[in-house]
Amino acid sequence: MTDTRAANPSITERTRNIDAGGPVVAVHFLNDLAGFVLGEETLVLAESNGETRRVDVHAGAILTSAADDTRIITGGDDGRVLATGADGKSAVLATDAKRRWVDQVAQGPDNAVAWSAGKQVFVKTAEGEDRIFDAPSSPGGLAFAPKGFRLAVSHYNGTSLWFPNAANAKPEFLEWKGSHLGITFSPDGRFLVTAMQEPTLHGWRLVDGRHMRMAGYAAKVRSTSWSNGGKWLATSGADQLVLWPFQGKDGPMGKQPKLLAPADKRVVTVACHPAQDIVAVGYEHGLVLLVRIDDGAEILASKPEGVAVSAMTWNLAGNMLAFGREDGRAAVLRL
């Protein structure tokens, strides 16, 4: 095995390279339009015909982003939350009264948007009404539940489950010692998983609050993605793709993960195909593989470029993969 995967089937010739002009921190699809989020000020919108447009959205660093099929939501150190559409036009959704950094954003049902500034979490509902929750500490991540109007807020020593429309209801608190960062619901809403400050994941089975601890990583888990139907949770943080099983009622409790696509460098970003049991895997030296979950078969999507793959995602149809690197080199792969 070598990280060039010279003997693997290759689809690198289907890749269209893009010079983003700065470090790529996230990428989203608006239908077939790839939107690359840069670390400073700008979105780069890449059309399917090869044209690109640069859209300046923040007066400083872009700290967080989320998206649906119609708009990219960004938060910045200028204290603003913006929504940018495929036409490149941006609308200000909120400006923090104290001009605090907007650290986290999340896209919810019916165009609802959540964001955090300091220890406060805000939700703008579909009706344009604002809701506020004072978290115990600065949020490390936000995630809307797949069913109902509920927001999970990760923070120090646990996670809060907040119903923004229930004005007098106290948020449910799920406790676990330590600093909780990224957060994600399983697609069926039965499990909640957070990435910890240390190299481990923690989860809860929501029906009874039972804990799940997923350890054994060499580095902090910075990227997670659910497979089609939520059978597997793909994760970064090791020198191979780590897949935790969530098929049964107990999730990964008492089970070992599936380990695929070992390499000489660590996995830094993962993105599961929206319809097939395939995972796009990006490594810290730039290698990108498409890996089939059932048997571990690999297809080479991009050779190592010496720079980490910092962001990656599929379009909803699953026929386009976009990825970007820390040095601004980006690409769109059409299957």
Protein backbone atom coordinates (compact mmCIF):
# COMPACT_ATOMS: atom_id res chain seq x y z
CA MET A 1 0.00 0.00 0.00
CA THR A 2 1.19 3.50 -0.86
CA ASP A 3 -0.63 6.79 -0.45
CA THR A 4 -0.53 7.45 -4.19
CA ARG A 5 -2.76 4.37 -4.69
CA ALA A 6 -1.15 3.92 -8.13
CA ALA A 7 -2.85 0.56 -8.66
CA ASN A 8 -6.32 1.86 -7.77
CA PRO A 9 -8.98 2.74 -10.34
CA SER A 10 -8.76 6.49 -10.92
CA ILE A 11 -11.23 9.22 -11.84
CA THR A 12 -8.81 12.11 -11.42
CA GLU A 13 -9.35 13.10 -15.08
CA ARG A 14 -12.93 14.11 -14.17
CA THR A 15 -11.69 16.73 -11.71
CA ARG A 16 -11.92 20.44 -12.54
CA ASN A 17 -9.33 22.40 -10.57
CA ILE A 18 -10.17 25.80 -9.08
CA ASP A 19 -7.87 28.42 -7.58
CA ALA A 20 -9.88 29.67 -4.60
CA GLY A 21 -7.28 32.28 -3.75
CA GLY A 22 -7.15 31.52 -0.04
CA PRO A 23 -7.49 28.72 2.52
CA VAL A 24 -10.78 26.83 2.10
CA VAL A 25 -12.52 26.28 5.45
CA ALA A 26 -15.83 24.84 4.19
CA VAL A 27 -17.65 23.95 0.99
CA HIS A 28 -21.38 23.72 0.26
CA PHE A 29 -23.53 22.99 -2.78
CA LEU A 30 -26.46 25.13 -3.88
CA ASN A 31 -27.90 22.52 -6.25
CA ASP A 32 -24.97 22.14 -8.72
CA LEU A 33 -23.22 25.36 -7.71
CA ALA A 34 -20.21 24.73 -5.45
CA GLY A 35 -19.64 27.41 -2.83
CA PHE A 36 -16.15 27.47 -1.32
CA VAL A 37 -15.93 29.36 1.99
CA LEU A 38 -12.56 31.02 2.54
CA GLY A 39 -11.02 31.81 5.89
CA GLU A 40 -11.16 35.55 5.19
CA GLU A 41 -14.06 37.61 3.84
CA THR A 42 -14.95 35.71 0.68
CA LEU A 43 -17.06 32.98 -0.91
CA VAL A 44 -15.99 31.53 -4.26
CA LEU A 45 -18.98 30.30 -6.29
CA ALA A 46 -18.07 27.75 -8.96
CA GLU A 47 -20.62 27.19 -11.73
CA SER A 48 -20.99 23.81 -13.44
CA ASN A 49 -19.82 25.44 -16.71
CA GLY A 50 -16.45 26.30 -15.18
CA GLU A 51 -17.06 29.97 -14.38
CA THR A 52 -16.23 31.24 -10.89
CA ARG A 53 -17.35 34.32 -8.97
CA ARG A 54 -15.88 35.85 -5.84
CA VAL A 55 -18.33 37.33 -3.35
CA ASP A 56 -17.09 39.36 -0.38
CA VAL A 57 -19.44 38.70 2.52
CA HIS A 58 -17.64 39.59 5.76
CA ALA A 59 -15.26 42.33 6.85
CA GLY A 60 -12.76 39.89 8.33
CA ALA A 61 -12.58 36.21 9.14
CA ILE A 62 -15.39 33.79 8.32
CA LEU A 63 -15.64 31.62 11.42
CA THR A 64 -18.51 29.27 10.60
CA SER A 65 -20.94 28.28 7.87
CA ALA A 66 -23.92 26.07 7.06
CA ALA A 67 -26.20 25.68 4.04
CA ASP A 68 -29.27 24.23 2.43
CA ASP A 69 -29.95 23.99 -1.32
CA THR A 70 -30.74 27.70 -1.67
CA ARG A 71 -28.33 29.69 0.52
CA ILE A 72 -25.06 29.61 2.41
CA ILE A 73 -25.23 30.95 5.97
CA THR A 74 -22.00 32.44 7.34
CA GLY A 75 -20.89 33.99 10.61
CA GLY A 76 -17.85 36.17 11.05
CA ASP A 77 -15.68 38.10 13.45
CA ASP A 78 -17.49 41.23 12.29
CA GLY A 79 -20.47 40.10 14.40
CA ARG A 80 -22.77 39.45 11.45
CA VAL A 81 -24.79 36.52 10.15
CA LEU A 82 -25.31 36.54 6.38
CA ALA A 83 -27.22 34.44 3.85
CA THR A 84 -25.82 34.25 0.32
CA GLY A 85 -27.76 32.76 -2.59
CA ALA A 86 -26.66 31.19 -5.85
CA ASP A 87 -26.94 34.61 -7.52
CA GLY A 88 -24.16 35.90 -5.27
CA LYS A 89 -26.43 38.33 -3.43
CA SER A 90 -26.08 38.44 0.35
CA ALA A 91 -28.60 39.47 2.99
CA VAL A 92 -27.76 40.33 6.60
CA LEU A 93 -29.80 38.09 8.89
CA ALA A 94 -28.44 39.50 12.13
CA THR A 95 -25.82 41.81 13.60
CA ASP A 96 -24.74 41.15 17.15
CA ALA A 97 -25.52 44.16 19.32
CA LYS A 98 -22.11 43.91 21.01
CA ARG A 99 -20.27 43.04 17.78
CA ARG A 100 -19.14 39.75 19.28
CA TRP A 101 -17.76 37.05 17.04
CA VAL A 102 -20.35 34.73 15.56
CA ASP A 103 -18.74 31.37 16.32
CA GLN A 104 -21.38 28.85 15.21
CA VAL A 105 -24.30 28.76 12.78
CA ALA A 106 -26.82 26.06 11.87
CA GLN A 107 -29.52 25.83 9.20
CA GLY A 108 -32.87 24.56 10.47
CA PRO A 109 -36.30 23.58 9.16
CA ASP A 110 -38.41 26.07 7.19
CA ASN A 111 -35.44 28.46 6.77
CA ALA A 112 -34.86 28.83 10.50
CA VAL A 113 -31.29 29.82 11.40
CA ALA A 114 -29.36 29.47 14.65
CA TRP A 115 -26.11 31.16 15.65
CA SER A 116 -24.02 31.83 18.73
CA ALA A 117 -22.10 34.82 20.03
CA GLY A 118 -20.36 34.63 23.37
CA LYS A 119 -22.42 32.34 25.61
CA GLN A 120 -25.71 33.25 23.92
CA VAL A 121 -27.50 31.20 21.27
CA PHE A 122 -30.02 32.83 18.94
CA VAL A 123 -32.64 31.35 16.64
CA LYS A 124 -34.51 33.25 13.94
CA THR A 125 -37.68 31.32 13.18
CA ALA A 126 -39.36 30.91 9.82
CA GLU A 127 -41.67 33.77 10.85
CA GLY A 128 -38.68 36.05 11.48
CA GLU A 129 -39.03 35.98 15.27
CA ASP A 130 -35.93 35.85 17.45
CA ARG A 131 -35.38 33.44 20.34
CA ILE A 132 -32.45 33.54 22.81
CA PHE A 133 -30.90 30.88 25.02
CA ASP A 134 -28.12 31.58 27.54
CA ALA A 135 -25.83 28.57 27.40
CA PRO A 136 -23.75 27.50 30.44
CA SER A 137 -20.57 28.28 28.48
CA SER A 138 -19.54 29.25 24.97
CA PRO A 139 -21.14 26.79 22.52
CA GLY A 140 -18.81 24.43 20.67
CA GLY A 141 -21.44 23.41 18.12
CA LEU A 142 -25.08 23.73 17.07
CA ALA A 143 -27.32 21.17 15.35
CA PHE A 144 -31.04 21.09 14.58
CA ALA A 145 -32.83 17.80 15.16
CA PRO A 146 -34.02 16.03 11.98
CA LYS A 147 -37.58 15.98 13.34
CA GLY A 148 -39.40 18.75 15.18
CA PHE A 149 -38.06 22.19 16.05
CA ARG A 150 -35.31 21.40 18.54
CA LEU A 151 -31.72 22.66 18.71
CA ALA A 152 -28.80 20.85 20.33
CA VAL A 153 -26.10 23.09 21.80
CA SER A 154 -22.77 21.53 22.79
CA HIS A 155 -20.72 23.25 25.47
CA TYR A 156 -18.51 22.54 28.45
CA ASN A 157 -19.60 19.47 30.46
CA GLY A 158 -22.39 18.42 28.12
CA THR A 159 -25.12 19.35 25.71
CA SER A 160 -28.39 21.27 26.02
CA LEU A 161 -31.50 20.36 24.00
CA TRP A 162 -33.54 23.49 23.47
CA PHE A 163 -37.03 23.94 22.03
CA PRO A 164 -36.94 27.57 20.77
CA ASN A 165 -40.72 27.80 20.50
CA ALA A 166 -41.30 26.62 24.08
CA ALA A 167 -40.75 29.93 25.85
CA ASN A 168 -41.08 28.65 29.42
CA ALA A 169 -39.61 25.18 28.98
CA LYS A 170 -36.20 24.54 30.54
CA PRO A 171 -33.73 22.97 28.08
CA GLU A 172 -32.90 19.32 28.69
CA PHE A 173 -29.30 18.89 29.82
CA LEU A 174 -27.20 15.86 28.87
CA GLU A 175 -24.13 15.78 31.09
CA TRP A 176 -20.66 14.45 30.36
CA LYS A 177 -17.48 15.99 31.75
CA GLY A 178 -15.21 17.81 29.35
CA SER A 179 -15.35 20.24 26.45
CA HIS A 180 -17.84 19.28 23.72
CA LEU A 181 -17.28 20.76 20.25
CA GLY A 182 -18.83 19.59 16.97
CA ILE A 183 -22.28 18.03 17.33
CA THR A 184 -24.54 15.93 15.13
CA PHE A 185 -27.87 14.08 15.31
CA SER A 186 -28.27 10.70 13.66
CA PRO A 187 -30.62 11.00 10.64
CA ASP A 188 -33.41 9.19 12.52
CA GLY A 189 -33.01 11.45 15.54
CA ARG A 190 -32.32 8.59 17.98
CA PHE A 191 -28.71 9.45 18.80
CA LEU A 192 -26.71 12.61 19.49
CA VAL A 193 -22.91 12.61 19.12
CA THR A 194 -20.32 15.24 20.02
CA ALA A 195 -16.62 15.55 19.22
CA MET A 196 -14.61 16.22 22.35
CA GLN A 197 -11.60 18.46 22.88
CA GLU A 198 -9.58 15.29 23.44
CA PRO A 199 -9.40 12.63 20.68
CA THR A 200 -12.73 10.94 21.37
CA LEU A 201 -16.43 11.10 20.56
CA HIS A 202 -19.24 11.02 23.09
CA GLY A 203 -22.85 10.16 22.38
CA TRP A 204 -26.23 9.72 23.97
CA ARG A 205 -29.16 7.50 23.10
CA LEU A 206 -31.88 10.09 23.44
CA VAL A 207 -34.73 7.80 24.48
CA ASP A 208 -33.05 7.07 27.80
CA GLY A 209 -29.89 9.24 27.91
CA ARG A 210 -27.57 6.25 27.87
CA HIS A 211 -23.95 7.20 27.19
CA MET A 212 -21.75 6.08 24.30
CA ARG A 213 -18.01 6.63 24.27
CA MET A 214 -16.10 6.21 21.01
CA ALA A 215 -12.35 6.35 21.57
CA GLY A 216 -9.05 5.17 20.10
CA TYR A 217 -8.24 8.16 17.87
CA ALA A 218 -4.78 9.57 17.35
CA ALA A 219 -6.03 13.14 16.94
CA LYS A 220 -9.07 15.28 17.62
CA VAL A 221 -12.08 14.34 15.48
CA ARG A 222 -12.78 17.38 13.31
CA SER A 223 -15.02 15.84 10.65
CA THR A 224 -18.02 13.49 10.86
CA SER A 225 -20.59 12.38 8.30
CA TRP A 226 -23.57 10.00 8.39
CA SER A 227 -23.93 7.35 5.71
CA ASN A 228 -27.10 7.02 3.67
CA GLY A 229 -29.85 5.98 6.09
CA GLY A 230 -27.64 6.59 9.14
CA LYS A 231 -26.20 3.07 9.34
CA TRP A 232 -22.65 4.33 9.84
CA LEU A 233 -20.98 7.43 11.28
CA ALA A 234 -17.80 8.16 9.31
CA THR A 235 -15.10 10.07 11.16
CA SER A 236 -11.65 11.62 10.78
CA GLY A 237 -8.92 11.59 13.42
CA ALA A 238 -6.97 8.42 12.55
CA ASP A 239 -4.66 7.18 9.78
CA GLN A 240 -7.65 5.35 8.29
CA LEU A 241 -11.37 5.85 7.85
CA VAL A 242 -13.21 5.01 11.10
CA LEU A 243 -16.88 3.96 10.75
CA TRP A 244 -19.03 3.46 13.84
CA PRO A 245 -22.08 1.17 13.46
CA PHE A 246 -25.50 2.65 14.24
CA GLN A 247 -27.74 -0.01 12.70
CA GLY A 248 -29.17 -1.42 15.94
CA LYS A 249 -31.08 0.09 18.83
CA ASP A 250 -27.88 0.35 20.90
CA GLY A 251 -25.82 2.08 18.23
CA PRO A 252 -22.07 1.46 18.67
CA MET A 253 -22.32 0.40 22.31
CA GLY A 254 -20.28 -2.77 22.79
CA LYS A 255 -19.20 -2.83 19.13
CA GLN A 256 -15.96 -2.15 17.30
CA PRO A 257 -15.72 0.33 14.41
CA LYS A 258 -15.05 -0.69 10.82
CA LEU A 259 -11.60 0.52 9.70
CA LEU A 260 -10.96 1.16 5.99
CA ALA A 261 -8.53 2.96 3.65
CA PRO A 262 -5.38 3.01 5.80
CA ALA A 263 -2.74 5.52 4.77
CA ASP A 264 0.60 7.01 5.83
CA LYS A 265 -1.15 10.22 6.88
CA ARG A 266 -4.25 11.00 8.93
CA VAL A 267 -7.77 11.40 7.65
CA VAL A 268 -8.86 15.02 8.15
CA THR A 269 -12.22 15.25 6.40
CA VAL A 270 -14.99 12.82 5.43
CA ALA A 271 -18.18 13.13 3.38
CA CYS A 272 -20.69 10.31 2.89
CA HIS A 273 -22.48 9.95 -0.44
CA PRO A 274 -26.16 10.97 -0.12
CA ALA A 275 -27.56 7.78 -1.69
CA GLN A 276 -24.88 5.08 -1.80
CA ASP A 277 -22.68 3.49 0.86
CA ILE A 278 -19.59 5.37 -0.31
CA VAL A 279 -17.41 7.77 1.66
CA ALA A 280 -15.17 10.49 0.22
CA VAL A 281 -12.06 10.58 2.40
CA GLY A 282 -9.52 13.43 2.49
CA TYR A 283 -6.09 13.11 4.10
CA GLU A 284 -3.66 15.60 5.59
CA HIS A 285 -1.29 15.28 2.60
CA GLY A 286 -4.04 15.94 0.04
CA LEU A 287 -5.04 12.42 -1.03
CA VAL A 288 -8.77 12.02 -1.79
CA LEU A 289 -10.31 8.55 -2.05
CA LEU A 290 -13.81 7.27 -2.67
CA VAL A 291 -14.25 4.24 -0.40
CA ARG A 292 -17.06 1.68 -0.59
CA ILE A 293 -18.24 0.75 2.90
CA ASP A 294 -19.24 -2.86 2.17
CA ASP A 295 -15.86 -4.14 0.99
CA GLY A 296 -13.43 -1.23 1.34
CA ALA A 297 -12.87 -0.87 -2.42
CA GLU A 298 -11.12 2.40 -3.28
CA ILE A 299 -11.18 4.80 -6.21
CA LEU A 300 -8.55 7.54 -6.49
CA ALA A 301 -10.20 10.97 -6.79
CA SER A 302 -7.14 13.17 -6.23
CA LYS A 303 -3.46 12.43 -5.77
CA PRO A 304 -1.58 13.79 -2.75
CA GLU A 305 -0.77 17.48 -3.22
CA GLY A 306 1.23 17.89 -0.01
CA VAL A 307 -1.48 20.03 1.63
CA ALA A 308 -4.40 18.92 3.78
CA VAL A 309 -7.90 18.54 2.38
CA SER A 310 -9.70 21.02 4.63
CA ALA A 311 -13.30 20.75 3.37
CA MET A 312 -15.37 18.37 1.28
CA THR A 313 -19.03 17.72 0.40
CA TRP A 314 -21.37 16.08 -2.15
CA ASN A 315 -24.24 17.70 -3.98
CA LEU A 316 -27.69 16.36 -3.20
CA ALA A 317 -27.86 14.30 -6.40
CA GLY A 318 -24.57 12.61 -5.52
CA ASN A 319 -22.98 13.16 -8.94
CA MET A 320 -20.60 15.96 -7.89
CA LEU A 321 -17.97 16.14 -5.14
CA ALA A 322 -16.30 19.41 -4.18
CA PHE A 323 -13.21 19.69 -2.00
CA GLY A 324 -10.73 22.36 -1.00
CA ARG A 325 -7.30 22.51 0.57
CA GLU A 326 -5.57 24.70 3.11
CA ASP A 327 -3.51 26.45 0.42
CA GLY A 328 -6.52 27.52 -1.66
CA ARG A 329 -6.39 24.75 -4.25
CA ALA A 330 -9.91 23.45 -4.76
CA ALA A 331 -11.70 21.15 -7.18
CA VAL A 332 -15.06 19.86 -8.35
CA LEU A 333 -15.28 16.21 -9.37
CA ARG A 334 -18.17 15.17 -11.61
CA LEU A 335 -19.06 11.48 -11.62
